[in-house]
């Protein structure tokens, strides 16, 4: 009986890990969409590649640096 319970719990744990991994991937996809929409003010239906995301971060950082330079004057 304990063996059966252990097997069921192991299968359940594996399934929960897979669901969690899928949710993390979906969350990353949605975050990339929101970030791109804020920057472009448009709709993007495909996820951004890592290279595109890095370029977007650099562009935002340049914009933030320019804003902070103007506030210091």
PDB file of N, CA and C in Angstrom:
ATOM      1  N   UNK A   1       0.825  -1.185   0.000  1.00  0.00           N
ATOM      2  CA  UNK A   1       0.000   0.000   0.000  1.00  0.00           C
ATOM      3  C   UNK A   1       0.874   1.256   0.000  1.00  0.00           C
ATOM      4  N   UNK A   2       1.935   1.270   0.824  1.00  0.00           N
ATOM      5  CA  UNK A   2       2.818   2.429   0.875  1.00  0.00           C
ATOM      6  C   UNK A   2       3.550   2.625  -0.442  1.00  0.00           C
ATOM      7  N   UNK A   3       3.833   1.541  -1.112  1.00  0.00           N
ATOM      8  CA  UNK A   3       4.512   1.634  -2.405  1.00  0.00           C
ATOM      9  C   UNK A   3       3.607   2.323  -3.428  1.00  0.00           C
ATOM     10  N   UNK A   4       2.341   1.951  -3.426  1.00  0.00           N
ATOM     11  CA  UNK A   4       1.386   2.557  -4.354  1.00  0.00           C
ATOM     12  C   UNK A   4       1.242   4.044  -4.063  1.00  0.00           C
ATOM     13  N   UNK A   5       1.132   4.407  -2.797  1.00  0.00           N
ATOM     14  CA  UNK A   5       1.009   5.821  -2.418  1.00  0.00           C
ATOM     15  C   UNK A   5       2.269   6.589  -2.841  1.00  0.00           C
ATOM     16  N   UNK A   6       3.421   5.988  -2.638  1.00  0.00           N
ATOM     17  CA  UNK A   6       4.678   6.638  -3.029  1.00  0.00           C
ATOM     18  C   UNK A   6       4.742   6.853  -4.538  1.00  0.00           C
ATOM     19  N   UNK A   7       4.317   5.869  -5.297  1.00  0.00           N
ATOM     20  CA  UNK A   7       4.328   5.987  -6.753  1.00  0.00           C
ATOM     21  C   UNK A   7       3.365   7.086  -7.203  1.00  0.00           C
ATOM     22  N   UNK A   8       2.188   7.127  -6.632  1.00  0.00           N
ATOM     23  CA  UNK A   8       1.206   8.157  -6.982  1.00  0.00           C
ATOM     24  C   UNK A   8       1.744   9.540  -6.641  1.00  0.00           C
ATOM     25  N   UNK A   9       2.361   9.678  -5.478  1.00  0.00           N
ATOM     26  CA  UNK A   9       2.922  10.976  -5.097  1.00  0.00           C
ATOM     27  C   UNK A   9       4.081  11.378  -6.007  1.00  0.00           C
ATOM     28  N   UNK A  10       4.902  10.425  -6.417  1.00  0.00           N
ATOM     29  CA  UNK A  10       6.012  10.726  -7.318  1.00  0.00           C
ATOM     30  C   UNK A  10       5.485  11.191  -8.680  1.00  0.00           C
ATOM     31  N   UNK A  11       4.491  10.517  -9.199  1.00  0.00           N
ATOM     32  CA  UNK A  11       3.894  10.912 -10.480  1.00  0.00           C
ATOM     33  C   UNK A  11       3.268  12.299 -10.358  1.00  0.00           C
ATOM     34  N   UNK A  12       2.588  12.539  -9.263  1.00  0.00           N
ATOM     35  CA  UNK A  12       1.978  13.842  -9.027  1.00  0.00           C
ATOM     36  C   UNK A  12       3.046  14.938  -8.961  1.00  0.00           C
ATOM     37  N   UNK A  13       4.149  14.674  -8.304  1.00  0.00           N
ATOM     38  CA  UNK A  13       5.231  15.654  -8.195  1.00  0.00           C
ATOM     39  C   UNK A  13       5.837  15.959  -9.557  1.00  0.00           C
ATOM     40  N   UNK A  14       6.053  14.928 -10.362  1.00  0.00           N
ATOM     41  CA  UNK A  14       6.606  15.125 -11.701  1.00  0.00           C
ATOM     42  C   UNK A  14       5.648  15.969 -12.534  1.00  0.00           C
ATOM     43  N   UNK A  15       4.366  15.679 -12.448  1.00  0.00           N
ATOM     44  CA  UNK A  15       3.374  16.452 -13.199  1.00  0.00           C
ATOM     45  C   UNK A  15       3.359  17.907 -12.736  1.00  0.00           C
ATOM     46  N   UNK A  16       3.433  18.147 -11.434  1.00  0.00           N
ATOM     47  CA  UNK A  16       3.444  19.513 -10.924  1.00  0.00           C
ATOM     48  C   UNK A  16       4.693  20.271 -11.357  1.00  0.00           C
ATOM     49  N   UNK A  17       5.832  19.610 -11.410  1.00  0.00           N
ATOM     50  CA  UNK A  17       7.052  20.246 -11.901  1.00  0.00           C
ATOM     51  C   UNK A  17       6.915  20.663 -13.360  1.00  0.00           C
ATOM     52  N   UNK A  18       6.292  19.800 -14.167  1.00  0.00           N
ATOM     53  CA  UNK A  18       6.085  20.128 -15.575  1.00  0.00           C
ATOM     54  C   UNK A  18       5.132  21.314 -15.709  1.00  0.00           C
ATOM     55  N   UNK A  19       4.057  21.322 -14.952  1.00  0.00           N
ATOM     56  CA  UNK A  19       3.108  22.435 -14.998  1.00  0.00           C
ATOM     57  C   UNK A  19       3.795  23.724 -14.575  1.00  0.00           C
ATOM     58  N   UNK A  20       4.606  23.653 -13.536  1.00  0.00           N
ATOM     59  CA  UNK A  20       5.313  24.832 -13.055  1.00  0.00           C
ATOM     60  C   UNK A  20       6.274  25.354 -14.124  1.00  0.00           C
ATOM     61  N   UNK A  21       6.999  24.478 -14.776  1.00  0.00           N
ATOM     62  CA  UNK A  21       7.934  24.881 -15.829  1.00  0.00           C
ATOM     63  C   UNK A  21       7.178  25.555 -16.978  1.00  0.00           C
ATOM     64  N   UNK A  22       6.031  24.988 -17.353  1.00  0.00           N
ATOM     65  CA  UNK A  22       5.225  25.593 -18.410  1.00  0.00           C
ATOM     66  C   UNK A  22       4.729  26.979 -18.005  1.00  0.00           C
ATOM     67  N   UNK A  23       4.339  27.136 -16.754  1.00  0.00           N
ATOM     68  CA  UNK A  23       3.867  28.441 -16.277  1.00  0.00           C
ATOM     69  C   UNK A  23       4.994  29.470 -16.257  1.00  0.00           C
ATOM     70  N   UNK A  24       6.183  29.048 -15.896  1.00  0.00           N
ATOM     71  CA  UNK A  24       7.329  29.960 -15.899  1.00  0.00           C
ATOM     72  C   UNK A  24       7.618  30.421 -17.318  1.00  0.00           C
ATOM     73  N   UNK A  25       7.610  29.502 -18.265  1.00  0.00           N
ATOM     74  CA  UNK A  25       7.853  29.869 -19.664  1.00  0.00           C
ATOM     75  C   UNK A  25       6.783  30.818 -20.173  1.00  0.00           C
ATOM     76  N   UNK A  26       5.544  30.555 -19.838  1.00  0.00           N
ATOM     77  CA  UNK A  26       4.446  31.425 -20.266  1.00  0.00           C
ATOM     78  C   UNK A  26       4.578  32.807 -19.627  1.00  0.00           C
ATOM     79  N   UNK A  27       4.970  32.846 -18.368  1.00  0.00           N
ATOM     80  CA  UNK A  27       5.149  34.115 -17.672  1.00  0.00           C
ATOM     81  C   UNK A  27       6.254  34.941 -18.327  1.00  0.00           C
ATOM     82  N   UNK A  28       7.365  34.316 -18.669  1.00  0.00           N
ATOM     83  CA  UNK A  28       8.459  35.020 -19.346  1.00  0.00           C
ATOM     84  C   UNK A  28       7.985  35.571 -20.684  1.00  0.00           C
ATOM     85  N   UNK A  29       7.217  34.773 -21.419  1.00  0.00           N
ATOM     86  CA  UNK A  29       6.677  35.213 -22.704  1.00  0.00           C
ATOM     87  C   UNK A  29       5.786  36.444 -22.527  1.00  0.00           C
ATOM     88  N   UNK A  30       4.906  36.411 -21.542  1.00  0.00           N
ATOM     89  CA  UNK A  30       3.998  37.534 -21.318  1.00  0.00           C
ATOM     90  C   UNK A  30       4.747  38.779 -20.851  1.00  0.00           C
ATOM     91  N   UNK A  31       5.766  38.604 -20.036  1.00  0.00           N
ATOM     92  CA  UNK A  31       6.564  39.753 -19.585  1.00  0.00           C
ATOM     93  C   UNK A  31       7.252  40.398 -20.780  1.00  0.00           C
ATOM     94  N   UNK A  32       7.798  39.586 -21.672  1.00  0.00           N
ATOM     95  CA  UNK A  32       8.444  40.135 -22.866  1.00  0.00           C
ATOM     96  C   UNK A  32       7.441  40.887 -23.736  1.00  0.00           C
ATOM     97  N   UNK A  33       6.227  40.359 -23.851  1.00  0.00           N
ATOM     98  CA  UNK A  33       5.201  41.049 -24.632  1.00  0.00           C
ATOM     99  C   UNK A  33       4.863  42.400 -24.018  1.00  0.00           C
ATOM    100  N   UNK A  34       4.684  42.445 -22.712  1.00  0.00           N
ATOM    101  CA  UNK A  34       4.335  43.692 -22.041  1.00  0.00           C
ATOM    102  C   UNK A  34       5.457  44.708 -22.177  1.00  0.00           C
ATOM    103  N   UNK A  35       6.694  44.289 -21.987  1.00  0.00           N
ATOM    104  CA  UNK A  35       7.837  45.194 -22.116  1.00  0.00           C
ATOM    105  C   UNK A  35       7.915  45.752 -23.533  1.00  0.00           C
ATOM    106  N   UNK A  36       7.730  44.907 -24.513  1.00  0.00           N
ATOM    107  CA  UNK A  36       7.791  45.362 -25.894  1.00  0.00           C
ATOM    108  C   UNK A  36       6.626  46.300 -26.209  1.00  0.00           C
ATOM    109  N   UNK A  37       5.462  46.008 -25.692  1.00  0.00           N
ATOM    110  CA  UNK A  37       4.307  46.864 -25.936  1.00  0.00           C
ATOM    111  C   UNK A  37       4.498  48.234 -25.299  1.00  0.00           C
ATOM    112  N   UNK A  38       5.095  48.288 -24.135  1.00  0.00           N
ATOM    113  CA  UNK A  38       5.358  49.578 -23.500  1.00  0.00           C
ATOM    114  C   UNK A  38       6.331  50.393 -24.332  1.00  0.00           C
ATOM    115  N   UNK A  39       7.326  49.727 -24.866  1.00  0.00           N
ATOM    116  CA  UNK A  39       8.356  50.435 -25.627  1.00  0.00           C
ATOM    117  C   UNK A  39       7.854  50.835 -27.014  1.00  0.00           C
ATOM    118  N   UNK A  40       7.143  49.960 -27.679  1.00  0.00           N
ATOM    119  CA  UNK A  40       6.728  50.195 -29.052  1.00  0.00           C
ATOM    120  C   UNK A  40       5.322  50.767 -29.173  1.00  0.00           C
ATOM    121  N   UNK A  41       4.543  50.734 -28.101  1.00  0.00           N
ATOM    122  CA  UNK A  41       3.139  51.153 -28.127  1.00  0.00           C
ATOM    123  C   UNK A  41       2.362  50.416 -29.209  1.00  0.00           C
ATOM    124  N   UNK A  42       2.671  49.175 -29.399  1.00  0.00           N
ATOM    125  CA  UNK A  42       1.977  48.357 -30.389  1.00  0.00           C
ATOM    126  C   UNK A  42       1.814  46.950 -29.874  1.00  0.00           C
ATOM    127  N   UNK A  43       1.210  46.126 -30.676  1.00  0.00           N
ATOM    128  CA  UNK A  43       0.991  44.742 -30.286  1.00  0.00           C
ATOM    129  C   UNK A  43       2.045  43.845 -30.910  1.00  0.00           C
ATOM    130  N   UNK A  44       2.596  42.963 -30.112  1.00  0.00           N
ATOM    131  CA  UNK A  44       3.550  41.975 -30.598  1.00  0.00           C
ATOM    132  C   UNK A  44       2.990  40.607 -30.241  1.00  0.00           C
ATOM    133  N   UNK A  45       2.846  39.772 -31.240  1.00  0.00           N
ATOM    134  CA  UNK A  45       2.227  38.475 -31.019  1.00  0.00           C
ATOM    135  C   UNK A  45       3.231  37.344 -30.908  1.00  0.00           C
ATOM    136  N   UNK A  46       4.486  37.594 -31.229  1.00  0.00           N
ATOM    137  CA  UNK A  46       5.519  36.578 -31.131  1.00  0.00           C
ATOM    138  C   UNK A  46       6.470  36.936 -29.994  1.00  0.00           C
ATOM    139  N   UNK A  47       7.003  35.949 -29.300  1.00  0.00           N
ATOM    140  CA  UNK A  47       7.960  36.258 -28.230  1.00  0.00           C
ATOM    141  C   UNK A  47       9.256  36.817 -28.818  1.00  0.00           C
ATOM    142  N   UNK A  48       9.897  37.663 -28.046  1.00  0.00           N
ATOM    143  CA  UNK A  48      11.150  38.255 -28.489  1.00  0.00           C
ATOM    144  C   UNK A  48      12.287  37.286 -28.212  1.00  0.00           C
ATOM    145  N   UNK A  49      13.289  37.309 -29.085  1.00  0.00           N
ATOM    146  CA  UNK A  49      14.462  36.485 -28.852  1.00  0.00           C
ATOM    147  C   UNK A  49      15.299  37.137 -27.752  1.00  0.00           C
ATOM    148  N   UNK A  50      16.257  36.398 -27.239  1.00  0.00           N
ATOM    149  CA  UNK A  50      17.126  36.930 -26.195  1.00  0.00           C
ATOM    150  C   UNK A  50      17.927  38.122 -26.705  1.00  0.00           C
ATOM    151  N   UNK A  51      18.359  38.060 -27.966  1.00  0.00           N
ATOM    152  CA  UNK A  51      19.111  39.173 -28.537  1.00  0.00           C
ATOM    153  C   UNK A  51      18.245  40.428 -28.627  1.00  0.00           C
ATOM    154  N   UNK A  52      16.996  40.270 -29.076  1.00  0.00           N
ATOM    155  CA  UNK A  52      16.087  41.410 -29.168  1.00  0.00           C
ATOM    156  C   UNK A  52      15.811  41.994 -27.794  1.00  0.00           C
ATOM    157  N   UNK A  53      15.670  41.126 -26.803  1.00  0.00           N
ATOM    158  CA  UNK A  53      15.412  41.596 -25.448  1.00  0.00           C
ATOM    159  C   UNK A  53      16.602  42.374 -24.907  1.00  0.00           C
ATOM    160  N   UNK A  54      17.816  41.923 -25.187  1.00  0.00           N
ATOM    161  CA  UNK A  54      19.011  42.636 -24.735  1.00  0.00           C
ATOM    162  C   UNK A  54      19.108  44.003 -25.409  1.00  0.00           C
ATOM    163  N   UNK A  55      18.790  44.076 -26.709  1.00  0.00           N
ATOM    164  CA  UNK A  55      18.804  45.362 -27.407  1.00  0.00           C
ATOM    165  C   UNK A  55      17.772  46.311 -26.809  1.00  0.00           C
ATOM    166  N   UNK A  56      16.613  45.784 -26.475  1.00  0.00           N
ATOM    167  CA  UNK A  56      15.554  46.589 -25.885  1.00  0.00           C
ATOM    168  C   UNK A  56      15.976  47.114 -24.515  1.00  0.00           C
ATOM    169  N   UNK A  57      16.619  46.272 -23.720  1.00  0.00           N
ATOM    170  CA  UNK A  57      17.100  46.698 -22.406  1.00  0.00           C
ATOM    171  C   UNK A  57      18.148  47.799 -22.535  1.00  0.00           C
ATOM    172  N   UNK A  58      19.050  47.657 -23.518  1.00  0.00           N
ATOM    173  CA  UNK A  58      20.073  48.687 -23.738  1.00  0.00           C
ATOM    174  C   UNK A  58      19.436  50.009 -24.138  1.00  0.00           C
ATOM    175  N   UNK A  59      18.426  49.942 -25.007  1.00  0.00           N
ATOM    176  CA  UNK A  59      17.741  51.169 -25.437  1.00  0.00           C
ATOM    177  C   UNK A  59      17.049  51.831 -24.257  1.00  0.00           C
ATOM    178  N   UNK A  60      16.401  51.043 -23.405  1.00  0.00           N
ATOM    179  CA  UNK A  60      15.735  51.608 -22.230  1.00  0.00           C
ATOM    180  C   UNK A  60      16.745  52.205 -21.268  1.00  0.00           C
ATOM    181  N   UNK A  61      17.873  51.521 -21.099  1.00  0.00           N
ATOM    182  CA  UNK A  61      18.900  52.029 -20.189  1.00  0.00           C
ATOM    183  C   UNK A  61      19.445  53.353 -20.702  1.00  0.00           C
ATOM    184  N   UNK A  62      19.634  53.469 -22.006  1.00  0.00           N
ATOM    185  CA  UNK A  62      20.080  54.737 -22.587  1.00  0.00           C
ATOM    186  C   UNK A  62      19.051  55.832 -22.323  1.00  0.00           C
ATOM    187  N   UNK A  63      17.769  55.495 -22.459  1.00  0.00           N
ATOM    188  CA  UNK A  63      16.709  56.465 -22.189  1.00  0.00           C
ATOM    189  C   UNK A  63      16.679  56.876 -20.731  1.00  0.00           C
ATOM    190  N   UNK A  64      16.892  55.936 -19.833  1.00  0.00           N
ATOM    191  CA  UNK A  64      16.904  56.234 -18.395  1.00  0.00           C
ATOM    192  C   UNK A  64      18.112  57.096 -18.066  1.00  0.00           C
ATOM    193  N   UNK A  65      19.262  56.779 -18.663  1.00  0.00           N
ATOM    194  CA  UNK A  65      20.464  57.573 -18.425  1.00  0.00           C
ATOM    195  C   UNK A  65      20.271  59.008 -18.902  1.00  0.00           C
ATOM    196  N   UNK A  66      19.630  59.196 -20.041  1.00  0.00           N
ATOM    197  CA  UNK A  66      19.377  60.544 -20.545  1.00  0.00           C
ATOM    198  C   UNK A  66      18.436  61.299 -19.613  1.00  0.00           C
ATOM    199  N   UNK A  67      17.416  60.617 -19.092  1.00  0.00           N
ATOM    200  CA  UNK A  67      16.468  61.259 -18.172  1.00  0.00           C
ATOM    201  C   UNK A  67      17.159  61.694 -16.889  1.00  0.00           C
ATOM    202  N   UNK A  68      18.021  60.855 -16.349  1.00  0.00           N
ATOM    203  CA  UNK A  68      18.706  61.201 -15.102  1.00  0.00           C
ATOM    204  C   UNK A  68      19.716  62.313 -15.328  1.00  0.00           C
ATOM    205  N   UNK A  69      20.342  62.366 -16.520  1.00  0.00           N
ATOM    206  CA  UNK A  69      21.267  63.456 -16.830  1.00  0.00           C
ATOM    207  C   UNK A  69      20.534  64.785 -16.887  1.00  0.00           C
ATOM    208  N   UNK A  70      19.327  64.798 -17.451  1.00  0.00           N
ATOM    209  CA  UNK A  70      18.557  66.027 -17.552  1.00  0.00           C
ATOM    210  C   UNK A  70      18.077  66.508 -16.188  1.00  0.00           C
ATOM    211  N   UNK A  71      17.767  65.592 -15.298  1.00  0.00           N
ATOM    212  CA  UNK A  71      17.263  65.969 -13.964  1.00  0.00           C
ATOM    213  C   UNK A  71      18.370  66.545 -13.096  1.00  0.00           C
ATOM    214  N   UNK A  72      19.616  66.138 -13.346  1.00  0.00           N
ATOM    215  CA  UNK A  72      20.726  66.619 -12.536  1.00  0.00           C
ATOM    216  C   UNK A  72      21.077  68.065 -12.862  1.00  0.00           C
ATOM    217  N   UNK A  73      20.775  68.521 -14.078  1.00  0.00           N
ATOM    218  CA  UNK A  73      21.121  69.886 -14.486  1.00  0.00           C
ATOM    219  C   UNK A  73      20.305  70.928 -13.804  1.00  0.00           C
TER     220      UNK A  73
END
